[in-house]
Structures are given as C-alpha cells and as structure tokens.
Amino acid sequence: MLILGIETSCDETAAAIVKDGRRVLSGVVSSQDEIHSAYGGVVPELASRAHIKAVVPVMDRALEQAGVELKDLHGIAVTQGPGLVGSLLVGICTAKSMAAVTRLPLVGVNHLEAHIVVNFLSDDPPSFPFTALVVSGGHTNLYLVKDFLELDLLGQTRDDAAGEAFDKTAKLLGLGYPGGIIIDRMAGQGNPEAIAFPRAMMDADSLDFSFSGLKTAVITHLKKHPLDGPDVDRRTADLVASFQEAVVDVLVGKSLRAAKMNRTGSLVLAGGVAANSRLRQKIQTAAQEAGIRLFIPEIRLCTDNATGVAAMGFHLLSRGVRSDLDMDAYSRMPSRCIMRHL
C-alpha cells in the first residue's frame, strides 16, 4: 500500500509517501523558521497562511520524489491533532479535497502517534510492548505502547513541555528561534555543572513532568546574576548548559523509571526534542547501563514531518479505520475522537 501523509500541525508543512508502513519513498518538509524567528515563537495566523501557500507544492514534490502519481496511491493520511487548529485545518481540508476527488480512503492521524511510529521506518524497529517518551515543543508524554493501536498514557507534563521550556528560555535570553537548536549548540561550549538548577522529579513514583519551576529558576538566577560584562559569552554558555542538563536529567530519569516499572526492556524516544544531542547522549548511556534497549530515530525524522503520518495511516487503514469527510481538527486529544484506544 502506498500512503500519502500530510502534516501541518504547527509550523512545518510536510508530505511523504510511505510503502506498507515501512519504506519511505519520499519526504518533503517546508520550514517556517524564517517567518517566526522575528517573534521568538510560532505566530498561529502566520503559520496558517504559510501552510496554505506551501501545502500543494510540497505534496507535488513528494509525489515527484517518490516517482508516483495520485492514481498509484492507496490512501491518504493527515494529522488531525493535536496542534494549532488553523494549521491543522489547512492539511485536513487539503486531504479531504483529494479524497473526494480521487475516492481514496482517508484517515486522521494522531500527531504524537506519528512521532512514535517513525521508529519503525528503520531496518531495526522496536518490538511490542515498549515504553515511549514523546518529547516536543508542545508535549512531554510517556506511553506504554502495546500495539500500533493500543497505547497507555503513563505520564505527561503538568505545565510546560520540555521543548516549550527550551524555546521560552532562549527567548528570555534573546538567543533567537528555534530556541532548542540554539541552546543545544551553545550548551556544548558551556559547563553543565556551573549552576545548580532544580530537577522537578515530584513524588517518588510519579511519571509526570513539570518544567515551569525550572523556567522560574532561570529568571531568578538572571535577576541575581545579570548577563553582562566581558565574560558574558562564557556565562551564557554555562547557563544554557546547566539549564539543558536539568531538563535532560528529568527526561532520562523518568523514562528509565517508566521502562523499569513496566518491564518492557525497550525504550523508544520520539519528537522534536529527541534531536537534542545531550539527551541522545545521556539516554543512550543510561539505557545501556540499565540493560534497556533504546531506539532513537534519525535526527531528520525527529522533528515534524509526514513520514510518520503516512506510516501510521497505513496501520490504521489496513485495519479498517476510516475518517469521514466531516472530520475535524483538534488542538487537544479528547478520548472520544482521537485517542480512541487509550
């Protein structure tokens, strides 16, 4: 089965063709970083307008790269949520129109599931069941994944997502956008032990996350120690390295705890923050020491893209799941619509 995937949940316009849920024939992403960099974050209205301009050319390039035409496809998958509603609707309306014209089956895909499923687009995919950490700008969730259509939510952020904390801290420091990439790069020049920022682990058995206190700790530190003077570059590098270390320690600690509690033996990392070099390094070391098998996607598959959407679409369509042409977009994931199997 050849599935076209369409992704417009936030500020990346993407399309991909995936065969049988495993083989990527094409993947095209149009970034909006240049548009939003002046504002230090994503502006929803600007994101929607950029999607409208980019979505058809991006799909055309994906089809061309794959060497296929619309008549060769067996289905269309599109991100239904979570995400920015205006952005989601661009992709959904496009997918609906194509499905109506071609009479191809249509299915809405959960954005977080798509992130997890990209780990199956490799020569060495994970086996069920496994523990999964989905960590991005909008989400920090832990799942027990029993099957493509069966996930149990183990824990989630109570406030800021990890990626959101990175972006807000970068904006606070005037470092630019996207903040996570900039902090990752700068942190390599700093001392991660320079500042003792808090690690919000909450109670001993909790698998939930909280990063708002860390953001407050950065603000408090800056009030006491303003970033000025001749050594400002070194001090800034030390600050972001220490901040990043605090985030990574919590992510690694809770992920390993979840894997051990559920005795899965396997841990999957997914989402945009999975591209962070320090997180990849520390979680690999921790997993190896714990005897847990770790799966991390290629960096290009960590950030928002349509390959996971197409792959997840294959698994849904092959099991008879279909979406009607009146399907809607969802900024969150109420159990009655998208999180159908939780």
Protein backbone atom coordinates (compact mmCIF):
# COMPACT_ATOMS: atom_id res chain seq x y z
CA MET A 1 0.00 0.00 0.00
CA LEU A 2 1.24 3.46 -0.94
CA ILE A 3 0.05 6.08 1.54
CA LEU A 4 0.33 9.85 1.18
CA GLY A 5 0.90 11.56 4.53
CA ILE A 6 0.19 15.26 5.12
CA GLU A 7 1.43 17.14 8.21
CA THR A 8 0.50 20.74 9.11
CA SER A 9 0.09 20.62 12.89
CA CYS A 10 2.32 23.60 13.71
CA ASP A 11 4.92 25.42 11.60
CA GLU A 12 6.19 22.73 9.24
CA THR A 13 4.38 21.89 6.02
CA ALA A 14 5.22 18.31 5.13
CA ALA A 15 4.20 15.50 2.81
CA ALA A 16 5.53 11.98 2.37
CA ILE A 17 4.90 8.75 0.51
CA VAL A 18 5.43 5.57 2.53
CA LYS A 19 5.03 2.00 1.28
CA ASP A 20 3.47 -0.63 3.55
CA GLY A 21 4.17 1.45 6.65
CA ARG A 22 7.91 0.73 6.48
CA ARG A 23 9.60 2.04 3.35
CA VAL A 24 9.94 5.80 2.86
CA LEU A 25 9.73 6.70 -0.82
CA SER A 26 9.77 10.47 -0.24
CA GLY A 27 9.62 13.07 2.48
CA VAL A 28 9.40 16.81 1.88
CA VAL A 29 9.33 19.49 4.59
CA SER A 30 8.88 23.23 4.15
CA SER A 31 10.07 25.11 7.25
CA GLN A 32 8.66 28.38 8.56
CA ASP A 33 11.59 29.21 10.87
CA GLU A 34 12.42 32.37 8.92
CA ILE A 35 8.84 33.62 9.25
CA HIS A 36 8.59 33.15 13.02
CA SER A 37 12.16 33.94 14.08
CA ALA A 38 11.41 37.66 14.37
CA TYR A 39 8.76 36.90 17.01
CA GLY A 40 10.70 34.37 19.07
CA GLY A 41 7.99 31.74 18.58
CA VAL A 42 5.25 30.48 16.30
CA VAL A 43 2.55 33.01 15.36
CA PRO A 44 -0.54 30.86 14.60
CA GLU A 45 -2.08 33.15 11.98
CA LEU A 46 1.18 33.44 10.05
CA ALA A 47 1.67 29.67 10.29
CA SER A 48 -1.77 29.00 8.76
CA ARG A 49 -1.16 31.39 5.87
CA ALA A 50 2.23 29.84 5.14
CA HIS A 51 0.68 26.35 5.11
CA ILE A 52 -1.90 27.47 2.54
CA LYS A 53 0.87 28.61 0.21
CA ALA A 54 3.12 25.60 0.72
CA VAL A 55 0.89 22.54 1.05
CA VAL A 56 0.19 21.82 -2.63
CA PRO A 57 3.78 22.42 -3.86
CA VAL A 58 5.07 20.24 -1.02
CA MET A 59 2.70 17.41 -1.96
CA ASP A 60 3.66 17.73 -5.62
CA ARG A 61 7.35 17.41 -4.71
CA ALA A 62 6.66 14.38 -2.52
CA LEU A 63 4.85 12.61 -5.36
CA GLU A 64 7.60 13.55 -7.79
CA GLN A 65 10.38 12.34 -5.49
CA ALA A 66 8.58 9.03 -4.99
CA GLY A 67 8.04 8.63 -8.71
CA VAL A 68 4.31 8.05 -8.29
CA GLU A 69 1.07 9.73 -9.31
CA LEU A 70 -2.20 10.18 -7.45
CA LYS A 71 -3.67 7.18 -9.26
CA ASP A 72 -0.96 4.97 -7.73
CA LEU A 73 -1.92 5.79 -4.14
CA HIS A 74 -3.99 3.53 -1.89
CA GLY A 75 -4.88 6.05 0.82
CA ILE A 76 -4.41 9.49 2.33
CA ALA A 77 -3.41 10.15 5.94
CA VAL A 78 -3.43 13.57 7.56
CA THR A 79 -2.60 14.90 11.00
CA GLN A 80 -5.88 15.55 12.84
CA GLY A 81 -4.42 16.71 16.15
CA PRO A 82 -3.07 17.79 18.49
CA GLY A 83 -1.77 21.08 17.19
CA LEU A 84 -2.75 24.58 16.12
CA VAL A 85 -6.30 24.33 14.82
CA GLY A 86 -5.78 26.82 11.99
CA SER A 87 -2.70 24.97 10.79
CA LEU A 88 -4.33 21.55 11.15
CA LEU A 89 -7.34 22.64 9.11
CA VAL A 90 -5.16 23.51 6.11
CA GLY A 91 -3.87 19.95 5.91
CA ILE A 92 -7.24 18.40 6.70
CA CYS A 93 -9.13 20.45 4.09
CA THR A 94 -6.48 19.59 1.51
CA ALA A 95 -6.68 15.87 2.36
CA LYS A 96 -10.48 15.92 2.26
CA SER A 97 -10.49 17.55 -1.17
CA MET A 98 -8.05 14.99 -2.53
CA ALA A 99 -10.02 12.11 -1.04
CA ALA A 100 -13.27 13.42 -2.51
CA VAL A 101 -11.78 13.79 -5.97
CA THR A 102 -9.76 10.55 -6.06
CA ARG A 103 -12.19 8.47 -3.93
CA LEU A 104 -9.21 7.25 -1.93
CA PRO A 105 -9.79 6.24 1.72
CA LEU A 106 -8.95 8.98 4.21
CA VAL A 107 -7.79 8.67 7.82
CA GLY A 108 -6.93 11.19 10.51
CA VAL A 109 -3.72 10.53 12.43
CA ASN A 110 -2.70 11.42 15.96
CA HIS A 111 0.40 13.63 15.75
CA LEU A 112 2.05 12.01 18.77
CA GLU A 113 1.49 8.50 17.43
CA ALA A 114 3.12 9.57 14.17
CA HIS A 115 6.23 10.60 16.12
CA ILE A 116 6.41 7.17 17.76
CA VAL A 117 5.84 5.24 14.53
CA VAL A 118 8.84 6.81 12.76
CA ASN A 119 10.92 4.39 14.83
CA PHE A 120 9.52 1.61 12.60
CA LEU A 121 10.99 3.24 9.48
CA SER A 122 14.37 1.67 10.11
CA ASP A 123 16.00 -1.67 9.46
CA ASP A 124 15.86 -2.45 13.18
CA PRO A 125 12.42 -1.45 14.52
CA PRO A 126 11.28 -2.00 18.12
CA SER A 127 9.06 -4.88 19.19
CA PHE A 128 5.88 -4.53 21.23
CA PRO A 129 5.44 -3.79 24.04
CA PHE A 130 7.78 -0.87 24.69
CA THR A 131 7.94 2.36 26.67
CA ALA A 132 7.93 5.57 24.63
CA LEU A 133 8.90 9.13 25.50
CA VAL A 134 7.39 11.70 23.14
CA VAL A 135 9.10 15.00 23.85
CA SER A 136 8.50 18.10 21.73
CA GLY A 137 7.60 21.77 21.83
CA GLY A 138 4.05 21.03 22.87
CA HIS A 139 4.20 17.65 24.61
CA THR A 140 6.20 15.62 27.08
CA ASN A 141 4.40 12.28 27.41
CA LEU A 142 5.32 8.77 28.47
CA TYR A 143 3.43 5.79 27.00
CA LEU A 144 3.30 2.05 27.31
CA VAL A 145 2.89 1.03 23.66
CA LYS A 146 1.33 -2.41 23.27
CA ASP A 147 0.46 -2.19 19.58
CA PHE A 148 0.10 0.43 16.86
CA LEU A 149 -3.48 1.00 18.02
CA GLU A 150 -3.03 0.35 21.73
CA LEU A 151 -1.21 2.84 23.95
CA ASP A 152 -1.49 3.59 27.67
CA LEU A 153 -0.60 7.08 28.87
CA LEU A 154 1.79 6.73 31.82
CA GLY A 155 2.69 10.35 32.47
CA GLN A 156 2.68 13.82 30.97
CA THR A 157 3.74 17.36 31.72
CA ARG A 158 1.68 19.26 34.24
CA ASP A 159 2.66 22.62 32.77
CA ASP A 160 5.34 23.49 30.18
CA ALA A 161 6.53 20.84 27.74
CA ALA A 162 10.28 20.32 27.55
CA GLY A 163 10.56 21.88 24.10
CA GLU A 164 8.45 24.81 25.25
CA ALA A 165 10.86 25.33 28.17
CA PHE A 166 13.79 25.40 25.73
CA ASP A 167 12.09 27.96 23.48
CA LYS A 168 10.95 30.18 26.36
CA THR A 169 14.40 30.18 27.92
CA ALA A 170 16.02 31.03 24.60
CA LYS A 171 13.55 33.89 24.12
CA LEU A 172 14.22 35.10 27.67
CA LEU A 173 17.94 35.22 26.87
CA GLY A 174 17.39 36.82 23.47
CA LEU A 175 19.05 33.91 21.68
CA GLY A 176 16.60 33.63 18.78
CA TYR A 177 14.30 30.96 17.36
CA PRO A 178 14.08 27.95 17.26
CA GLY A 179 15.37 28.02 20.81
CA GLY A 180 16.02 24.32 21.28
CA ILE A 181 18.51 24.11 18.45
CA ILE A 182 20.33 27.26 19.57
CA ILE A 183 20.59 26.12 23.19
CA ASP A 184 21.80 22.68 22.13
CA ARG A 185 24.58 24.28 20.09
CA MET A 186 25.59 26.82 22.75
CA ALA A 187 25.47 24.31 25.58
CA GLY A 188 28.35 22.42 24.00
CA GLN A 189 30.59 25.36 24.88
CA GLY A 190 29.42 25.62 28.50
CA ASN A 191 29.76 23.83 31.83
CA PRO A 192 26.59 21.84 32.64
CA GLU A 193 27.52 21.86 36.34
CA ALA A 194 28.06 25.61 36.59
CA ILE A 195 24.58 26.36 38.00
CA ALA A 196 22.60 24.00 40.22
CA PHE A 197 19.15 24.34 38.65
CA PRO A 198 16.35 22.25 40.21
CA ARG A 199 15.20 18.84 38.90
CA ALA A 200 11.45 18.55 39.34
CA MET A 201 11.00 14.82 39.99
CA MET A 202 7.90 15.33 42.20
CA ASP A 203 7.00 12.27 44.29
CA ALA A 204 8.98 9.06 44.04
CA ASP A 205 6.56 7.13 41.82
CA SER A 206 5.32 9.96 39.61
CA LEU A 207 5.88 9.73 35.87
CA ASP A 208 4.55 13.24 35.27
CA PHE A 209 6.79 16.16 34.33
CA SER A 210 6.99 19.81 35.35
CA PHE A 211 9.31 22.39 33.82
CA SER A 212 7.70 25.69 34.81
CA GLY A 213 9.71 25.81 38.04
CA LEU A 214 12.92 25.45 36.08
CA LYS A 215 11.96 28.40 33.90
CA THR A 216 11.30 30.43 37.06
CA ALA A 217 14.70 29.38 38.42
CA VAL A 218 16.37 30.74 35.29
CA ILE A 219 14.55 34.07 35.71
CA THR A 220 15.56 34.24 39.39
CA HIS A 221 19.18 33.47 38.52
CA LEU A 222 19.25 36.24 35.90
CA LYS A 223 17.92 38.79 38.38
CA LYS A 224 20.74 37.93 40.77
CA HIS A 225 23.39 37.45 38.09
CA PRO A 226 22.66 39.62 35.01
CA LEU A 227 24.39 38.51 31.82
CA ASP A 228 26.74 41.42 31.19
CA GLY A 229 30.42 42.16 31.38
CA PRO A 230 33.44 40.90 29.43
CA ASP A 231 32.77 37.21 30.11
CA VAL A 232 29.11 37.29 29.05
CA ASP A 233 29.55 34.67 26.32
CA ARG A 234 31.07 32.13 28.70
CA ARG A 235 28.47 32.79 31.39
CA THR A 236 25.65 32.49 28.86
CA ALA A 237 27.05 29.17 27.65
CA ASP A 238 27.31 27.93 31.24
CA LEU A 239 23.71 28.99 31.95
CA VAL A 240 22.19 27.25 28.92
CA ALA A 241 24.34 24.15 29.51
CA SER A 242 23.15 23.97 33.12
CA PHE A 243 19.53 24.57 32.08
CA GLN A 244 19.72 21.87 29.40
CA GLU A 245 21.29 19.42 31.85
CA ALA A 246 18.40 19.94 34.27
CA VAL A 247 15.82 19.20 31.55
CA VAL A 248 17.70 16.18 30.24
CA ASP A 249 18.23 14.67 33.69
CA VAL A 250 14.48 14.68 34.34
CA LEU A 251 13.63 13.26 30.90
CA VAL A 252 16.18 10.47 31.22
CA GLY A 253 15.35 9.66 34.83
CA LYS A 254 11.61 9.34 34.33
CA SER A 255 11.93 7.47 31.02
CA LEU A 256 14.19 4.84 32.55
CA ARG A 257 11.89 4.62 35.59
CA ALA A 258 8.88 4.01 33.33
CA ALA A 259 10.70 1.32 31.33
CA LYS A 260 11.74 -0.47 34.52
CA MET A 261 8.28 -0.19 36.11
CA ASN A 262 6.63 -1.70 33.02
CA ARG A 263 9.41 -4.25 32.45
CA THR A 264 9.32 -3.67 28.71
CA GLY A 265 13.06 -3.93 28.16
CA SER A 266 12.78 -1.40 25.35
CA LEU A 267 12.57 2.39 25.31
CA VAL A 268 11.63 4.50 22.30
CA LEU A 269 12.48 8.19 22.01
CA ALA A 270 10.40 10.41 19.71
CA GLY A 271 9.55 14.04 18.99
CA GLY A 272 11.47 17.19 18.13
CA VAL A 273 13.48 17.32 21.36
CA ALA A 274 14.72 13.79 20.57
CA ALA A 275 17.13 15.56 18.23
CA ASN A 276 18.87 17.21 21.21
CA SER A 277 22.46 15.95 21.29
CA ARG A 278 22.79 15.92 25.08
CA LEU A 279 19.53 13.99 25.53
CA ARG A 280 20.58 11.42 22.95
CA GLN A 281 23.95 11.02 24.63
CA LYS A 282 22.72 10.69 28.21
CA ILE A 283 19.76 8.44 27.49
CA GLN A 284 21.95 6.09 25.44
CA THR A 285 24.41 5.79 28.33
CA ALA A 286 21.67 5.34 30.93
CA ALA A 287 19.79 2.75 28.87
CA GLN A 288 22.95 0.75 28.24
CA GLU A 289 23.82 0.73 31.95
CA ALA A 290 20.28 -0.39 32.80
CA GLY A 291 20.23 -3.13 30.18
CA ILE A 292 17.37 -1.48 28.33
CA ARG A 293 17.32 -1.47 24.54
CA LEU A 294 16.98 2.07 23.17
CA PHE A 295 15.50 3.17 19.85
CA ILE A 296 16.06 6.73 18.57
CA PRO A 297 15.02 7.96 15.11
CA GLU A 298 17.35 9.66 12.70
CA ILE A 299 17.52 13.36 13.52
CA ARG A 300 15.66 14.28 10.32
CA LEU A 301 12.72 12.14 11.49
CA CYS A 302 12.57 13.63 15.00
CA THR A 303 11.11 17.00 14.04
CA ASP A 304 7.65 17.37 12.50
CA ASN A 305 7.44 15.50 9.19
CA ALA A 306 4.89 13.46 7.29
CA THR A 307 6.64 10.09 7.14
CA GLY A 308 5.22 9.02 10.49
CA VAL A 309 1.78 10.29 9.45
CA ALA A 310 1.86 8.14 6.33
CA ALA A 311 3.20 5.12 8.24
CA MET A 312 0.56 5.41 10.94
CA GLY A 313 -2.04 5.92 8.23
CA PHE A 314 -1.06 2.58 6.75
CA HIS A 315 -1.62 0.75 10.04
CA LEU A 316 -5.00 2.42 10.57
CA LEU A 317 -6.25 1.92 7.01
CA SER A 318 -5.05 -1.69 6.87
CA ARG A 319 -7.17 -2.39 9.97
CA GLY A 320 -10.26 -0.81 8.51
CA VAL A 321 -10.11 2.57 10.28
CA ARG A 322 -11.50 5.36 8.10
CA SER A 323 -12.37 9.04 8.57
CA ASP A 324 -15.39 10.73 7.06
CA LEU A 325 -15.24 13.92 5.04
CA ASP A 326 -16.68 15.78 8.02
CA MET A 327 -13.64 15.01 10.20
CA ASP A 328 -12.50 17.96 12.29
CA ALA A 329 -9.25 19.26 13.74
CA TYR A 330 -8.44 19.07 17.45
CA SER A 331 -5.98 21.20 19.37
CA ARG A 332 -6.10 18.65 22.18
CA MET A 333 -6.98 14.96 22.21
CA PRO A 334 -10.33 14.14 23.83
CA SER A 335 -10.74 10.38 24.15
CA ARG A 336 -13.98 10.35 22.17
CA CYS A 337 -12.30 11.48 18.93
CA ILE A 338 -8.58 10.92 18.51
CA MET A 339 -7.23 8.95 21.48
CA ARG A 340 -9.66 6.21 20.57
CA HIS A 341 -7.54 3.43 22.04
CA LEU A 342 -6.41 4.90 25.36
